[in-house]
Amino acid sequence: MVVIHRVSGLTNAAFVEEHARAGRVGLVGGASLIDRAIALAQRPLARGAGKSAWSHAFLFQGRRADGRHWVIESDLDVHRKHVRLGVQENRADKYADEAAWPSIAILDFGLTAREVERVHALALELVATRVRYSVRELLGTLVALHRPNASGARAKANPLAREHAIFCSAFVQHVFRECGVDLVPGVDVKHTAPEDLARSPRAKTMWLRTERRPDRERAQRR
């Protein structure tokens, strides 16, 4: 069973500095309209909490030569006239703004050093080969969550799956599963939602910085 450590009194940047390690997984819940819509669409997984706290997932790469923590993620990154749509590397500073990212968590799955190397190697291969972000696969996942037989639907292949494309939480599940670590058994890779990762039976430890009340968190874990 996952051990949850609730963290208070830290900024997002300080939280990452304290708990990020290579091979750990980050979860964030954003304040934008799109992020809130993704969180709400995961309501069937939230078990009475009203909505998920999470809208995006990524893999921590570790501290690099610049002294900063970096992440590997599949994302839609729009900055002025520069647009990146797909698997990419970014500084974890991207999630330092508490107003934009009010909820943040870090998950440790107890990987060995060799497993961390394998997960990172595959993730970097997806960066190098420019695997795209897939909005339609995400939509397929969120629709499947609301079907009468959601568990059965999500065990099957995502009908909106595309070649050479993947969304955030599916990317995390993909690189772990390819390395022999199945974070969400019984769910197709391209049906994996951020909330699935938060509830993964493989998680050993979760550090959680969120505005949620403790009683709501307990209700989620029942």
Protein backbone atom coordinates (compact mmCIF):
# COMPACT_ATOMS: atom_id res chain seq x y z
CA MET A 1 0.00 0.00 0.00
CA VAL A 2 1.24 3.45 -0.90
CA VAL A 3 2.49 5.64 1.94
CA ILE A 4 1.23 9.20 1.52
CA HIS A 5 3.16 12.13 2.95
CA ARG A 6 1.20 15.37 2.94
CA VAL A 7 3.49 18.36 2.59
CA SER A 8 2.63 21.91 3.61
CA GLY A 9 4.49 25.18 3.83
CA LEU A 10 6.53 24.65 0.65
CA THR A 11 6.35 26.35 -2.71
CA ASN A 12 6.09 24.09 -5.75
CA ALA A 13 9.76 24.77 -6.50
CA ALA A 14 10.84 23.85 -2.97
CA PHE A 15 8.61 20.76 -3.04
CA VAL A 16 10.28 19.54 -6.24
CA GLU A 17 13.72 20.34 -4.89
CA GLU A 18 12.98 18.27 -1.79
CA HIS A 19 11.32 15.20 -3.32
CA ALA A 20 12.18 14.90 -7.03
CA ARG A 21 14.55 12.09 -7.97
CA ALA A 22 15.43 10.40 -11.24
CA GLY A 23 12.77 7.82 -12.14
CA ARG A 24 10.03 9.30 -10.00
CA VAL A 25 6.77 10.44 -11.57
CA GLY A 26 5.24 13.89 -11.20
CA LEU A 27 1.55 14.73 -11.23
CA VAL A 28 0.09 18.23 -11.44
CA GLY A 29 -3.38 19.71 -11.49
CA GLY A 30 -3.63 22.89 -13.51
CA ALA A 31 -5.89 25.91 -13.10
CA SER A 32 -6.51 26.46 -16.82
CA LEU A 33 -9.86 25.63 -18.39
CA ILE A 34 -8.39 22.66 -20.26
CA ASP A 35 -6.72 21.27 -17.14
CA ARG A 36 -9.91 21.62 -15.12
CA ALA A 37 -11.88 19.88 -17.86
CA ILE A 38 -9.43 16.95 -17.86
CA ALA A 39 -9.66 16.70 -14.05
CA LEU A 40 -13.46 16.75 -14.17
CA ALA A 41 -13.63 14.13 -16.92
CA GLN A 42 -11.75 11.71 -14.62
CA ARG A 43 -14.57 11.89 -12.06
CA PRO A 44 -15.40 8.15 -12.42
CA LEU A 45 -11.91 7.35 -11.09
CA ALA A 46 -12.05 9.85 -8.23
CA ARG A 47 -14.39 7.73 -6.07
CA GLY A 48 -16.70 10.37 -4.70
CA ALA A 49 -14.25 13.27 -4.69
CA GLY A 50 -16.16 15.08 -7.44
CA LYS A 51 -13.17 15.29 -9.76
CA SER A 52 -9.56 14.23 -10.01
CA ALA A 53 -6.85 16.50 -8.65
CA TRP A 54 -4.65 15.71 -11.65
CA SER A 55 -4.50 16.83 -15.27
CA HIS A 56 -0.91 16.07 -16.33
CA ALA A 57 1.86 13.55 -15.64
CA PHE A 58 5.59 13.44 -16.37
CA LEU A 59 8.82 11.59 -15.61
CA PHE A 60 11.59 13.12 -13.53
CA GLN A 61 14.94 12.86 -15.26
CA GLY A 62 17.05 14.03 -12.34
CA ARG A 63 19.34 16.99 -11.74
CA ARG A 64 21.44 17.99 -14.74
CA ALA A 65 24.59 20.03 -15.34
CA ASP A 66 22.72 23.31 -14.83
CA GLY A 67 21.86 22.23 -11.28
CA ARG A 68 18.12 22.05 -12.07
CA HIS A 69 15.70 19.14 -12.04
CA TRP A 70 14.48 18.20 -15.52
CA VAL A 71 11.43 16.26 -16.65
CA ILE A 72 10.54 14.24 -19.74
CA GLU A 73 6.92 14.55 -20.77
CA SER A 74 4.46 14.48 -23.64
CA ASP A 75 2.82 17.88 -23.70
CA LEU A 76 1.41 20.76 -25.70
CA ASP A 77 3.96 23.49 -25.05
CA VAL A 78 3.12 26.89 -26.52
CA HIS A 79 5.50 29.76 -25.76
CA ARG A 80 5.07 32.93 -27.78
CA LYS A 81 5.75 31.91 -31.38
CA HIS A 82 7.41 28.63 -30.43
CA VAL A 83 5.21 25.52 -30.31
CA ARG A 84 6.24 21.99 -29.30
CA LEU A 85 3.66 19.21 -29.50
CA GLY A 86 4.96 15.89 -28.25
CA VAL A 87 7.54 14.15 -26.09
CA GLN A 88 10.06 16.70 -24.86
CA GLU A 89 12.51 17.65 -22.10
CA ASN A 90 11.84 20.63 -19.84
CA ARG A 91 13.08 22.07 -16.59
CA ALA A 92 10.82 21.20 -13.67
CA ASP A 93 10.66 24.98 -13.12
CA LYS A 94 7.82 24.84 -15.64
CA TYR A 95 5.56 23.81 -12.73
CA ALA A 96 6.81 26.30 -10.14
CA ASP A 97 3.83 28.67 -10.38
CA GLU A 98 1.37 27.69 -7.61
CA ALA A 99 -1.42 29.77 -9.18
CA ALA A 100 -1.12 27.88 -12.47
CA TRP A 101 -0.45 24.49 -10.82
CA PRO A 102 -2.20 24.45 -7.43
CA SER A 103 -1.85 20.68 -6.98
CA ILE A 104 1.39 18.75 -7.30
CA ALA A 105 2.53 15.28 -6.26
CA ILE A 106 5.57 13.05 -6.70
CA LEU A 107 5.34 9.26 -6.84
CA ASP A 108 8.13 6.80 -6.10
CA PHE A 109 7.70 3.32 -7.58
CA GLY A 110 10.78 1.84 -5.96
CA LEU A 111 12.73 1.33 -9.19
CA THR A 112 16.21 -0.09 -9.12
CA ALA A 113 19.05 1.96 -10.61
CA ARG A 114 18.99 -0.32 -13.68
CA GLU A 115 15.24 0.16 -14.11
CA VAL A 116 15.64 3.94 -13.90
CA GLU A 117 18.27 3.78 -16.66
CA ARG A 118 16.00 1.69 -18.89
CA VAL A 119 12.98 3.95 -18.35
CA HIS A 120 15.03 7.04 -19.16
CA ALA A 121 16.62 5.44 -22.23
CA LEU A 122 13.23 4.64 -23.72
CA ALA A 123 11.82 8.06 -22.83
CA LEU A 124 14.75 9.79 -24.51
CA GLU A 125 14.25 7.63 -27.60
CA LEU A 126 10.72 9.04 -27.86
CA VAL A 127 12.15 12.56 -27.54
CA ALA A 128 14.74 11.89 -30.25
CA THR A 129 12.20 10.39 -32.66
CA ARG A 130 9.79 13.31 -32.11
CA VAL A 131 6.77 11.33 -30.96
CA ARG A 132 3.78 13.68 -31.11
CA TYR A 133 1.23 14.58 -28.44
CA SER A 134 -2.16 13.01 -29.17
CA VAL A 135 -5.23 15.04 -28.22
CA ARG A 136 -7.56 12.54 -29.83
CA GLU A 137 -6.15 9.62 -27.81
CA LEU A 138 -6.73 11.64 -24.65
CA LEU A 139 -10.32 12.26 -25.75
CA GLY A 140 -10.74 8.54 -26.41
CA THR A 141 -9.59 7.78 -22.87
CA LEU A 142 -11.86 10.36 -21.24
CA VAL A 143 -14.86 9.12 -23.25
CA ALA A 144 -14.13 5.50 -22.28
CA LEU A 145 -14.19 6.48 -18.60
CA HIS A 146 -17.88 7.36 -18.91
CA ARG A 147 -19.04 4.22 -20.71
CA PRO A 148 -21.29 1.77 -18.81
CA ASN A 149 -18.54 -0.86 -18.84
CA ALA A 150 -15.61 1.51 -18.42
CA SER A 151 -13.18 -1.12 -17.09
CA GLY A 152 -13.85 -3.39 -20.06
CA ALA A 153 -13.58 -0.53 -22.54
CA ARG A 154 -10.27 0.63 -21.12
CA ALA A 155 -8.79 -2.87 -21.18
CA LYS A 156 -9.14 -2.78 -24.97
CA ALA A 157 -7.12 -0.69 -27.38
CA ASN A 158 -8.02 2.99 -27.58
CA PRO A 159 -10.11 3.29 -30.80
CA LEU A 160 -8.62 6.75 -31.41
CA ALA A 161 -5.02 5.56 -31.09
CA ARG A 162 -2.50 6.97 -33.56
CA GLU A 163 0.92 5.80 -34.66
CA HIS A 164 3.92 7.75 -33.35
CA ALA A 165 1.77 9.75 -30.91
CA ILE A 166 0.95 9.60 -27.20
CA PHE A 167 -0.43 11.82 -24.42
CA CYS A 168 1.08 12.55 -21.01
CA SER A 169 -0.01 9.77 -18.65
CA ALA A 170 0.00 7.19 -21.46
CA PHE A 171 3.62 8.18 -22.12
CA VAL A 172 4.54 7.47 -18.49
CA GLN A 173 2.74 4.12 -18.50
CA HIS A 174 4.32 3.21 -21.85
CA VAL A 175 7.95 3.73 -20.82
CA PHE A 176 7.44 1.90 -17.51
CA ARG A 177 5.54 -1.01 -19.03
CA GLU A 178 8.09 -1.43 -21.83
CA CYS A 179 10.70 -1.78 -19.10
CA GLY A 180 8.70 -4.47 -17.29
CA VAL A 181 6.96 -2.29 -14.69
CA ASP A 182 3.18 -2.18 -15.21
CA LEU A 183 1.86 0.83 -13.30
CA VAL A 184 -1.83 0.25 -14.12
CA PRO A 185 -2.54 -3.46 -14.71
CA GLY A 186 -5.61 -4.23 -16.82
CA VAL A 187 -5.69 -0.84 -18.55
CA ASP A 188 -4.45 -0.34 -22.11
CA VAL A 189 -1.44 1.98 -22.29
CA LYS A 190 -3.31 4.55 -24.38
CA HIS A 191 -6.25 4.53 -21.97
CA THR A 192 -4.11 5.52 -18.95
CA ALA A 193 -5.31 8.68 -17.18
CA PRO A 194 -3.33 10.80 -14.68
CA GLU A 195 -5.65 9.61 -11.88
CA ASP A 196 -4.72 6.01 -12.72
CA LEU A 197 -1.09 6.80 -11.97
CA ALA A 198 -2.07 8.47 -8.68
CA ARG A 199 -3.83 5.22 -7.69
CA SER A 200 -1.26 2.81 -9.09
CA PRO A 201 -0.85 -0.36 -7.00
CA ARG A 202 2.87 -0.23 -7.79
CA ALA A 203 3.41 3.10 -6.02
CA LYS A 204 5.50 2.87 -2.85
CA THR A 205 5.44 6.49 -1.69
CA MET A 206 3.52 9.65 -2.64
CA TRP A 207 4.51 13.13 -1.57
CA LEU A 208 1.48 15.36 -1.92
CA ARG A 209 1.21 19.13 -1.94
CA THR A 210 -2.38 20.09 -2.62
CA GLU A 211 -5.15 22.33 -1.38
CA ARG A 212 -7.39 19.34 -0.76
CA ARG A 213 -8.60 18.61 2.73
CA PRO A 214 -7.30 15.43 4.45
CA ASP A 215 -10.82 13.96 4.78
CA ARG A 216 -11.32 14.21 1.01
CA GLU A 217 -8.01 12.46 0.38
CA ARG A 218 -9.00 9.60 2.69
CA ALA A 219 -12.29 9.22 0.84
CA GLN A 220 -10.37 8.87 -2.41
CA ARG A 221 -8.21 6.04 -1.11
CA ARG A 222 -11.06 3.87 0.18
